[in-house]
Amino acid sequence: MNAWEFYAEVARNLRESRQSTGMTQTQLAQMIGVSGGCISQYETAKRMPNLLAMSTMCHVLGVSISDLVPDMVPQDIDCDPGQTSIYDVLGDES
């Protein structure tokens, strides 16, 4: 999954979660302290929410972050607690 696919899936999951509650973009925006346009940008993958906004939206929508954010790390990767960088886990592909 590339970055665009990741952003698009987060956007789709957020939109579906919001719609399933019957909440409008404006209502969600008011509840988390951002503009309605900001929610629109999140739901069209033009902007990604920061961790605080994501956590707050999850709380308001009654979902977990894992419901919104797709799993990008292959399941067959072993993570060593001594690894401190994502590049240690995935390997430096640059």
PDB file of N, CA and C in Angstrom:
ATOM      1  N   MET A   1       0.860  -1.172   0.000  1.00  0.00           N
ATOM      2  CA  MET A   1       0.000   0.000   0.000  1.00  0.00           C
ATOM      3  C   MET A   1       0.906   1.234   0.000  1.00  0.00           C
ATOM      4  N   ASN A   2       0.659   2.136  -0.932  1.00  0.00           N
ATOM      5  CA  ASN A   2       1.450   3.358  -0.974  1.00  0.00           C
ATOM      6  C   ASN A   2       0.773   4.435  -0.123  1.00  0.00           C
ATOM      7  N   ALA A   3       1.422   5.595  -0.021  1.00  0.00           N
ATOM      8  CA  ALA A   3       0.917   6.666   0.845  1.00  0.00           C
ATOM      9  C   ALA A   3      -0.468   7.132   0.412  1.00  0.00           C
ATOM     10  N   TRP A   4      -0.686   7.299  -0.896  1.00  0.00           N
ATOM     11  CA  TRP A   4      -1.995   7.768  -1.346  1.00  0.00           C
ATOM     12  C   TRP A   4      -3.087   6.766  -0.983  1.00  0.00           C
ATOM     13  N   GLU A   5      -2.821   5.486  -1.175  1.00  0.00           N
ATOM     14  CA  GLU A   5      -3.808   4.457  -0.820  1.00  0.00           C
ATOM     15  C   GLU A   5      -4.091   4.474   0.679  1.00  0.00           C
ATOM     16  N   PHE A   6      -3.051   4.684   1.471  1.00  0.00           N
ATOM     17  CA  PHE A   6      -3.199   4.767   2.922  1.00  0.00           C
ATOM     18  C   PHE A   6      -4.117   5.935   3.288  1.00  0.00           C
ATOM     19  N   TYR A   7      -3.810   7.139   2.757  1.00  0.00           N
ATOM     20  CA  TYR A   7      -4.624   8.321   3.046  1.00  0.00           C
ATOM     21  C   TYR A   7      -6.064   8.112   2.600  1.00  0.00           C
ATOM     22  N   ALA A   8      -6.254   7.526   1.418  1.00  0.00           N
ATOM     23  CA  ALA A   8      -7.598   7.294   0.889  1.00  0.00           C
ATOM     24  C   ALA A   8      -8.382   6.337   1.782  1.00  0.00           C
ATOM     25  N   GLU A   9      -7.718   5.328   2.315  1.00  0.00           N
ATOM     26  CA  GLU A   9      -8.419   4.377   3.187  1.00  0.00           C
ATOM     27  C   GLU A   9      -8.778   5.016   4.525  1.00  0.00           C
ATOM     28  N   VAL A  10      -7.874   5.814   5.084  1.00  0.00           N
ATOM     29  CA  VAL A  10      -8.197   6.542   6.321  1.00  0.00           C
ATOM     30  C   VAL A  10      -9.410   7.445   6.071  1.00  0.00           C
ATOM     31  N   ALA A  11      -9.395   8.176   4.953  1.00  0.00           N
ATOM     32  CA  ALA A  11     -10.493   9.078   4.610  1.00  0.00           C
ATOM     33  C   ALA A  11     -11.808   8.314   4.487  1.00  0.00           C
ATOM     34  N   ARG A  12     -11.784   7.203   3.775  1.00  0.00           N
ATOM     35  CA  ARG A  12     -12.994   6.388   3.572  1.00  0.00           C
ATOM     36  C   ARG A  12     -13.506   5.844   4.912  1.00  0.00           C
ATOM     37  N   ASN A  13     -12.603   5.341   5.742  1.00  0.00           N
ATOM     38  CA  ASN A  13     -13.002   4.787   7.045  1.00  0.00           C
ATOM     39  C   ASN A  13     -13.595   5.862   7.946  1.00  0.00           C
ATOM     40  N   LEU A  14     -12.998   7.050   7.919  1.00  0.00           N
ATOM     41  CA  LEU A  14     -13.513   8.149   8.728  1.00  0.00           C
ATOM     42  C   LEU A  14     -14.914   8.552   8.266  1.00  0.00           C
ATOM     43  N   ARG A  15     -15.073   8.717   6.955  1.00  0.00           N
ATOM     44  CA  ARG A  15     -16.375   9.110   6.397  1.00  0.00           C
ATOM     45  C   ARG A  15     -17.447   8.070   6.750  1.00  0.00           C
ATOM     46  N   GLU A  16     -17.128   6.799   6.569  1.00  0.00           N
ATOM     47  CA  GLU A  16     -18.102   5.740   6.862  1.00  0.00           C
ATOM     48  C   GLU A  16     -18.445   5.698   8.350  1.00  0.00           C
ATOM     49  N   SER A  17     -17.450   5.893   9.201  1.00  0.00           N
ATOM     50  CA  SER A  17     -17.701   5.891  10.646  1.00  0.00           C
ATOM     51  C   SER A  17     -18.585   7.062  11.046  1.00  0.00           C
ATOM     52  N   ARG A  18     -18.307   8.228  10.483  1.00  0.00           N
ATOM     53  CA  ARG A  18     -19.129   9.407  10.790  1.00  0.00           C
ATOM     54  C   ARG A  18     -20.555   9.203  10.290  1.00  0.00           C
ATOM     55  N   GLN A  19     -20.694   8.740   9.061  1.00  0.00           N
ATOM     56  CA  GLN A  19     -22.029   8.547   8.480  1.00  0.00           C
ATOM     57  C   GLN A  19     -22.832   7.501   9.243  1.00  0.00           C
ATOM     58  N   SER A  20     -22.163   6.488   9.754  1.00  0.00           N
ATOM     59  CA  SER A  20     -22.881   5.436  10.477  1.00  0.00           C
ATOM     60  C   SER A  20     -23.487   5.954  11.785  1.00  0.00           C
ATOM     61  N   THR A  21     -22.944   7.056  12.300  1.00  0.00           N
ATOM     62  CA  THR A  21     -23.520   7.656  13.506  1.00  0.00           C
ATOM     63  C   THR A  21     -24.641   8.629  13.184  1.00  0.00           C
ATOM     64  N   GLY A  22     -24.782   8.994  11.892  1.00  0.00           N
ATOM     65  CA  GLY A  22     -25.773   9.977  11.491  1.00  0.00           C
ATOM     66  C   GLY A  22     -25.304  11.407  11.729  1.00  0.00           C
ATOM     67  N   MET A  23     -24.035  11.561  12.067  1.00  0.00           N
ATOM     68  CA  MET A  23     -23.469  12.875  12.359  1.00  0.00           C
ATOM     69  C   MET A  23     -23.038  13.573  11.070  1.00  0.00           C
ATOM     70  N   THR A  24     -23.242  14.875  11.009  1.00  0.00           N
ATOM     71  CA  THR A  24     -22.771  15.638   9.861  1.00  0.00           C
ATOM     72  C   THR A  24     -21.303  16.024  10.076  1.00  0.00           C
ATOM     73  N   GLN A  25     -20.672  16.476   9.002  1.00  0.00           N
ATOM     74  CA  GLN A  25     -19.302  16.959   9.119  1.00  0.00           C
ATOM     75  C   GLN A  25     -19.241  18.137  10.087  1.00  0.00           C
ATOM     76  N   THR A  26     -20.215  19.008  10.010  1.00  0.00           N
ATOM     77  CA  THR A  26     -20.246  20.180  10.882  1.00  0.00           C
ATOM     78  C   THR A  26     -20.382  19.772  12.344  1.00  0.00           C
ATOM     79  N   GLN A  27     -21.228  18.814  12.621  1.00  0.00           N
ATOM     80  CA  GLN A  27     -21.401  18.347  14.003  1.00  0.00           C
ATOM     81  C   GLN A  27     -20.109  17.740  14.541  1.00  0.00           C
ATOM     82  N   LEU A  28     -19.470  16.895  13.734  1.00  0.00           N
ATOM     83  CA  LEU A  28     -18.210  16.288  14.172  1.00  0.00           C
ATOM     84  C   LEU A  28     -17.164  17.372  14.393  1.00  0.00           C
ATOM     85  N   ALA A  29     -17.093  18.314  13.478  1.00  0.00           N
ATOM     86  CA  ALA A  29     -16.117  19.400  13.590  1.00  0.00           C
ATOM     87  C   ALA A  29     -16.315  20.172  14.893  1.00  0.00           C
ATOM     88  N   GLN A  30     -17.559  20.502  15.207  1.00  0.00           N
ATOM     89  CA  GLN A  30     -17.847  21.244  16.442  1.00  0.00           C
ATOM     90  C   GLN A  30     -17.436  20.444  17.673  1.00  0.00           C
ATOM     91  N   MET A  31     -17.649  19.151  17.625  1.00  0.00           N
ATOM     92  CA  MET A  31     -17.344  18.309  18.782  1.00  0.00           C
ATOM     93  C   MET A  31     -15.844  18.158  19.020  1.00  0.00           C
ATOM     94  N   ILE A  32     -15.044  18.259  17.950  1.00  0.00           N
ATOM     95  CA  ILE A  32     -13.599  18.087  18.146  1.00  0.00           C
ATOM     96  C   ILE A  32     -12.828  19.395  18.037  1.00  0.00           C
ATOM     97  N   GLY A  33     -13.540  20.495  17.775  1.00  0.00           N
ATOM     98  CA  GLY A  33     -12.904  21.800  17.783  1.00  0.00           C
ATOM     99  C   GLY A  33     -12.155  22.190  16.521  1.00  0.00           C
ATOM    100  N   VAL A  34     -12.655  21.738  15.363  1.00  0.00           N
ATOM    101  CA  VAL A  34     -12.074  22.143  14.078  1.00  0.00           C
ATOM    102  C   VAL A  34     -13.192  22.653  13.186  1.00  0.00           C
ATOM    103  N   SER A  35     -12.847  23.161  12.014  1.00  0.00           N
ATOM    104  CA  SER A  35     -13.874  23.647  11.089  1.00  0.00           C
ATOM    105  C   SER A  35     -14.486  22.484  10.301  1.00  0.00           C
ATOM    106  N   GLY A  36     -15.677  22.711   9.781  1.00  0.00           N
ATOM    107  CA  GLY A  36     -16.318  21.707   8.931  1.00  0.00           C
ATOM    108  C   GLY A  36     -15.492  21.426   7.690  1.00  0.00           C
ATOM    109  N   GLY A  37     -14.826  22.460   7.180  1.00  0.00           N
ATOM    110  CA  GLY A  37     -13.954  22.283   6.022  1.00  0.00           C
ATOM    111  C   GLY A  37     -12.795  21.367   6.317  1.00  0.00           C
ATOM    112  N   CYS A  38     -12.337  21.398   7.545  1.00  0.00           N
ATOM    113  CA  CYS A  38     -11.236  20.513   7.955  1.00  0.00           C
ATOM    114  C   CYS A  38     -11.686  19.045   7.885  1.00  0.00           C
ATOM    115  N   ILE A  39     -12.880  18.761   8.373  1.00  0.00           N
ATOM    116  CA  ILE A  39     -13.411  17.393   8.305  1.00  0.00           C
ATOM    117  C   ILE A  39     -13.561  16.976   6.847  1.00  0.00           C
ATOM    118  N   SER A  40     -14.043  17.873   6.015  1.00  0.00           N
ATOM    119  CA  SER A  40     -14.172  17.589   4.581  1.00  0.00           C
ATOM    120  C   SER A  40     -12.815  17.219   3.986  1.00  0.00           C
ATOM    121  N   GLN A  41     -11.790  17.945   4.355  1.00  0.00           N
ATOM    122  CA  GLN A  41     -10.446  17.641   3.849  1.00  0.00           C
ATOM    123  C   GLN A  41      -9.956  16.296   4.363  1.00  0.00           C
ATOM    124  N   TYR A  42     -10.268  15.960   5.609  1.00  0.00           N
ATOM    125  CA  TYR A  42      -9.902  14.635   6.135  1.00  0.00           C
ATOM    126  C   TYR A  42     -10.596  13.537   5.321  1.00  0.00           C
ATOM    127  N   GLU A  43     -11.867  13.751   5.004  1.00  0.00           N
ATOM    128  CA  GLU A  43     -12.664  12.723   4.340  1.00  0.00           C
ATOM    129  C   GLU A  43     -12.404  12.621   2.837  1.00  0.00           C
ATOM    130  N   THR A  44     -11.665  13.554   2.289  1.00  0.00           N
ATOM    131  CA  THR A  44     -11.297  13.484   0.878  1.00  0.00           C
ATOM    132  C   THR A  44      -9.798  13.261   0.709  1.00  0.00           C
ATOM    133  N   ALA A  45      -9.134  12.963   1.804  1.00  0.00           N
ATOM    134  CA  ALA A  45      -7.701  12.659   1.813  1.00  0.00           C
ATOM    135  C   ALA A  45      -6.842  13.826   1.335  1.00  0.00           C
ATOM    136  N   LYS A  46      -7.363  15.041   1.480  1.00  0.00           N
ATOM    137  CA  LYS A  46      -6.570  16.223   1.138  1.00  0.00           C
ATOM    138  C   LYS A  46      -5.725  16.669   2.323  1.00  0.00           C
ATOM    139  N   ARG A  47      -6.083  16.158   3.489  1.00  0.00           N
ATOM    140  CA  ARG A  47      -5.378  16.495   4.722  1.00  0.00           C
ATOM    141  C   ARG A  47      -5.521  15.322   5.670  1.00  0.00           C
ATOM    142  N   MET A  48      -4.477  15.051   6.441  1.00  0.00           N
ATOM    143  CA  MET A  48      -4.530  13.982   7.433  1.00  0.00           C
ATOM    144  C   MET A  48      -4.665  14.583   8.822  1.00  0.00           C
ATOM    145  N   PRO A  49      -5.543  14.034   9.644  1.00  0.00           N
ATOM    146  CA  PRO A  49      -5.669  14.545  11.010  1.00  0.00           C
ATOM    147  C   PRO A  49      -4.410  14.220  11.815  1.00  0.00           C
ATOM    148  N   ASN A  50      -4.065  15.113  12.743  1.00  0.00           N
ATOM    149  CA  ASN A  50      -2.950  14.800  13.628  1.00  0.00           C
ATOM    150  C   ASN A  50      -3.435  13.780  14.663  1.00  0.00           C
ATOM    151  N   LEU A  51      -2.532  13.298  15.470  1.00  0.00           N
ATOM    152  CA  LEU A  51      -2.874  12.227  16.410  1.00  0.00           C
ATOM    153  C   LEU A  51      -3.936  12.666  17.417  1.00  0.00           C
ATOM    154  N   LEU A  52      -3.869  13.903  17.883  1.00  0.00           N
ATOM    155  CA  LEU A  52      -4.867  14.384  18.833  1.00  0.00           C
ATOM    156  C   LEU A  52      -6.251  14.428  18.180  1.00  0.00           C
ATOM    157  N   ALA A  53      -6.331  14.969  16.970  1.00  0.00           N
ATOM    158  CA  ALA A  53      -7.618  15.017  16.263  1.00  0.00           C
ATOM    159  C   ALA A  53      -8.134  13.610  15.991  1.00  0.00           C
ATOM    160  N   MET A  54      -7.248  12.712  15.579  1.00  0.00           N
ATOM    161  CA  MET A  54      -7.649  11.332  15.293  1.00  0.00           C
ATOM    162  C   MET A  54      -8.192  10.663  16.558  1.00  0.00           C
ATOM    163  N   SER A  55      -7.486  10.827  17.659  1.00  0.00           N
ATOM    164  CA  SER A  55      -7.909  10.220  18.918  1.00  0.00           C
ATOM    165  C   SER A  55      -9.256  10.778  19.364  1.00  0.00           C
ATOM    166  N   THR A  56      -9.432  12.089  19.241  1.00  0.00           N
ATOM    167  CA  THR A  56     -10.681  12.725  19.639  1.00  0.00           C
ATOM    168  C   THR A  56     -11.832  12.264  18.753  1.00  0.00           C
ATOM    169  N   MET A  57     -11.593  12.188  17.441  1.00  0.00           N
ATOM    170  CA  MET A  57     -12.647  11.712  16.537  1.00  0.00           C
ATOM    171  C   MET A  57     -13.036  10.283  16.870  1.00  0.00           C
ATOM    172  N   CYS A  58     -12.062   9.448  17.160  1.00  0.00           N
ATOM    173  CA  CYS A  58     -12.368   8.065  17.521  1.00  0.00           C
ATOM    174  C   CYS A  58     -13.254   8.007  18.757  1.00  0.00           C
ATOM    175  N   HIS A  59     -12.929   8.819  19.747  1.00  0.00           N
ATOM    176  CA  HIS A  59     -13.734   8.855  20.973  1.00  0.00           C
ATOM    177  C   HIS A  59     -15.169   9.300  20.665  1.00  0.00           C
ATOM    178  N   VAL A  60     -15.300  10.372  19.901  1.00  0.00           N
ATOM    179  CA  VAL A  60     -16.620  10.908  19.565  1.00  0.00           C
ATOM    180  C   VAL A  60     -17.424   9.916  18.724  1.00  0.00           C
ATOM    181  N   LEU A  61     -16.759   9.252  17.784  1.00  0.00           N
ATOM    182  CA  LEU A  61     -17.450   8.319  16.888  1.00  0.00           C
ATOM    183  C   LEU A  61     -17.628   6.922  17.483  1.00  0.00           C
ATOM    184  N   GLY A  62     -16.969   6.673  18.608  1.00  0.00           N
ATOM    185  CA  GLY A  62     -17.099   5.364  19.257  1.00  0.00           C
ATOM    186  C   GLY A  62     -16.389   4.252  18.510  1.00  0.00           C
ATOM    187  N   VAL A  63     -15.245   4.588  17.898  1.00  0.00           N
ATOM    188  CA  VAL A  63     -14.450   3.590  17.190  1.00  0.00           C
ATOM    189  C   VAL A  63     -13.017   3.638  17.716  1.00  0.00           C
ATOM    190  N   SER A  64     -12.240   2.633  17.371  1.00  0.00           N
ATOM    191  CA  SER A  64     -10.831   2.634  17.755  1.00  0.00           C
ATOM    192  C   SER A  64      -9.998   3.177  16.594  1.00  0.00           C
ATOM    193  N   ILE A  65      -8.789   3.594  16.905  1.00  0.00           N
ATOM    194  CA  ILE A  65      -7.906   4.087  15.849  1.00  0.00           C
ATOM    195  C   ILE A  65      -7.676   2.993  14.813  1.00  0.00           C
ATOM    196  N   SER A  66      -7.602   1.752  15.245  1.00  0.00           N
ATOM    197  CA  SER A  66      -7.391   0.669  14.287  1.00  0.00           C
ATOM    198  C   SER A  66      -8.583   0.497  13.340  1.00  0.00           C
ATOM    199  N   ASP A  67      -9.749   1.015  13.716  1.00  0.00           N
ATOM    200  CA  ASP A  67     -10.900   0.997  12.804  1.00  0.00           C
ATOM    201  C   ASP A  67     -10.721   2.007  11.675  1.00  0.00           C
ATOM    202  N   LEU A  68      -9.968   3.070  11.930  1.00  0.00           N
ATOM    203  CA  LEU A  68      -9.779   4.118  10.933  1.00  0.00           C
ATOM    204  C   LEU A  68      -8.488   3.974  10.148  1.00  0.00           C
ATOM    205  N   VAL A  69      -7.447   3.510  10.813  1.00  0.00           N
ATOM    206  CA  VAL A  69      -6.120   3.476  10.193  1.00  0.00           C
ATOM    207  C   VAL A  69      -5.808   2.063   9.705  1.00  0.00           C
ATOM    208  N   PRO A  70      -5.519   1.925   8.414  1.00  0.00           N
ATOM    209  CA  PRO A  70      -5.207   0.595   7.877  1.00  0.00           C
ATOM    210  C   PRO A  70      -3.851   0.091   8.379  1.00  0.00           C
ATOM    211  N   ASP A  71      -3.727  -1.198   8.469  1.00  0.00           N
ATOM    212  CA  ASP A  71      -2.474  -1.836   8.883  1.00  0.00           C
ATOM    213  C   ASP A  71      -1.537  -1.885   7.690  1.00  0.00           C
ATOM    214  N   MET A  72      -0.411  -1.178   7.778  1.00  0.00           N
ATOM    215  CA  MET A  72       0.537  -1.127   6.659  1.00  0.00           C
ATOM    216  C   MET A  72       1.744  -2.023   6.854  1.00  0.00           C
ATOM    217  N   VAL A  73       1.999  -2.472   8.067  1.00  0.00           N
ATOM    218  CA  VAL A  73       3.188  -3.273   8.336  1.00  0.00           C
ATOM    219  C   VAL A  73       2.873  -4.728   8.033  1.00  0.00           C
ATOM    220  N   PRO A  74       3.656  -5.356   7.159  1.00  0.00           N
ATOM    221  CA  PRO A  74       3.424  -6.768   6.860  1.00  0.00           C
ATOM    222  C   PRO A  74       3.434  -7.604   8.139  1.00  0.00           C
ATOM    223  N   GLN A  75       2.530  -8.556   8.215  1.00  0.00           N
ATOM    224  CA  GLN A  75       2.378  -9.354   9.423  1.00  0.00           C
ATOM    225  C   GLN A  75       3.564 -10.261   9.717  1.00  0.00           C
ATOM    226  N   ASP A  76       4.415 -10.520   8.725  1.00  0.00           N
ATOM    227  CA  ASP A  76       5.524 -11.441   8.942  1.00  0.00           C
ATOM    228  C   ASP A  76       6.793 -10.747   9.444  1.00  0.00           C
ATOM    229  N   ILE A  77       6.708  -9.475   9.781  1.00  0.00           N
ATOM    230  CA  ILE A  77       7.875  -8.756  10.293  1.00  0.00           C
ATOM    231  C   ILE A  77       7.960  -8.952  11.794  1.00  0.00           C
ATOM    232  N   ASP A  78       9.139  -9.361  12.255  1.00  0.00           N
ATOM    233  CA  ASP A  78       9.387  -9.486  13.685  1.00  0.00           C
ATOM    234  C   ASP A  78       9.970  -8.174  14.187  1.00  0.00           C
ATOM    235  N   CYS A  79       9.383  -7.624  15.225  1.00  0.00           N
ATOM    236  CA  CYS A  79       9.878  -6.374  15.791  1.00  0.00           C
ATOM    237  C   CYS A  79      10.675  -6.664  17.051  1.00  0.00           C
ATOM    238  N   ASP A  80      11.879  -6.193  17.063  1.00  0.00           N
ATOM    239  CA  ASP A  80      12.770  -6.313  18.210  1.00  0.00           C
ATOM    240  C   ASP A  80      12.629  -5.047  19.041  1.00  0.00           C
ATOM    241  N   PRO A  81      12.427  -5.156  20.350  1.00  0.00           N
ATOM    242  CA  PRO A  81      12.290  -3.956  21.174  1.00  0.00           C
ATOM    243  C   PRO A  81      13.478  -2.999  21.058  1.00  0.00           C
ATOM    244  N   GLY A  82      14.619  -3.493  20.613  1.00  0.00           N
ATOM    245  CA  GLY A  82      15.796  -2.650  20.443  1.00  0.00           C
ATOM    246  C   GLY A  82      15.743  -1.803  19.188  1.00  0.00           C
ATOM    247  N   GLN A  83      14.789  -2.081  18.308  1.00  0.00           N
ATOM    248  CA  GLN A  83      14.662  -1.308  17.082  1.00  0.00           C
ATOM    249  C   GLN A  83      13.986   0.012  17.414  1.00  0.00           C
ATOM    250  N   THR A  84      14.633   1.097  17.053  1.00  0.00           N
ATOM    251  CA  THR A  84      14.123   2.404  17.440  1.00  0.00           C
ATOM    252  C   THR A  84      13.547   3.199  16.282  1.00  0.00           C
ATOM    253  N   SER A  85      13.688   2.718  15.082  1.00  0.00           N
ATOM    254  CA  SER A  85      13.245   3.459  13.914  1.00  0.00           C
ATOM    255  C   SER A  85      12.393   2.557  13.037  1.00  0.00           C
ATOM    256  N   ILE A  86      11.470   3.153  12.328  1.00  0.00           N
ATOM    257  CA  ILE A  86      10.679   2.377  11.369  1.00  0.00           C
ATOM    258  C   ILE A  86      11.585   1.756  10.326  1.00  0.00           C
ATOM    259  N   TYR A  87      12.708   2.408  10.030  1.00  0.00           N
ATOM    260  CA  TYR A  87      13.647   1.863   9.062  1.00  0.00           C
ATOM    261  C   TYR A  87      14.329   0.613   9.605  1.00  0.00           C
ATOM    262  N   ASP A  88      14.486   0.524  10.936  1.00  0.00           N
ATOM    263  CA  ASP A  88      15.028  -0.691  11.534  1.00  0.00           C
ATOM    264  C   ASP A  88      14.076  -1.859  11.313  1.00  0.00           C
ATOM    265  N   VAL A  89      12.780  -1.570  11.355  1.00  0.00           N
ATOM    266  CA  VAL A  89      11.756  -2.604  11.205  1.00  0.00           C
ATOM    267  C   VAL A  89      11.559  -3.006   9.758  1.00  0.00           C
ATOM    268  N   LEU A  90      11.400  -1.998   8.891  1.00  0.00           N
ATOM    269  CA  LEU A  90      11.085  -2.264   7.495  1.00  0.00           C
ATOM    270  C   LEU A  90      12.302  -2.377   6.606  1.00  0.00           C
ATOM    271  N   GLY A  91      13.428  -1.876   7.065  1.00  0.00           N
ATOM    272  CA  GLY A  91      14.628  -1.863   6.234  1.00  0.00           C
ATOM    273  C   GLY A  91      14.686  -0.547   5.478  1.00  0.00           C
ATOM    274  N   ASP A  92      15.876  -0.022   5.304  1.00  0.00           N
ATOM    275  CA  ASP A  92      16.052   1.253   4.623  1.00  0.00           C
ATOM    276  C   ASP A  92      15.993   1.013   3.129  1.00  0.00           C
ATOM    277  N   GLU A  93      14.913   1.510   2.504  1.00  0.00           N
ATOM    278  CA  GLU A  93      14.707   1.281   1.085  1.00  0.00           C
ATOM    279  C   GLU A  93      15.169   2.458   0.247  1.00  0.00           C
ATOM    280  N   SER A  94      15.878   3.392   0.836  1.00  0.00           N
ATOM    281  CA  SER A  94      16.314   4.566   0.069  1.00  0.00           C
ATOM    282  C   SER A  94      17.607   4.310  -0.666  1.00  0.00           C
TER     283      SER A  94
END
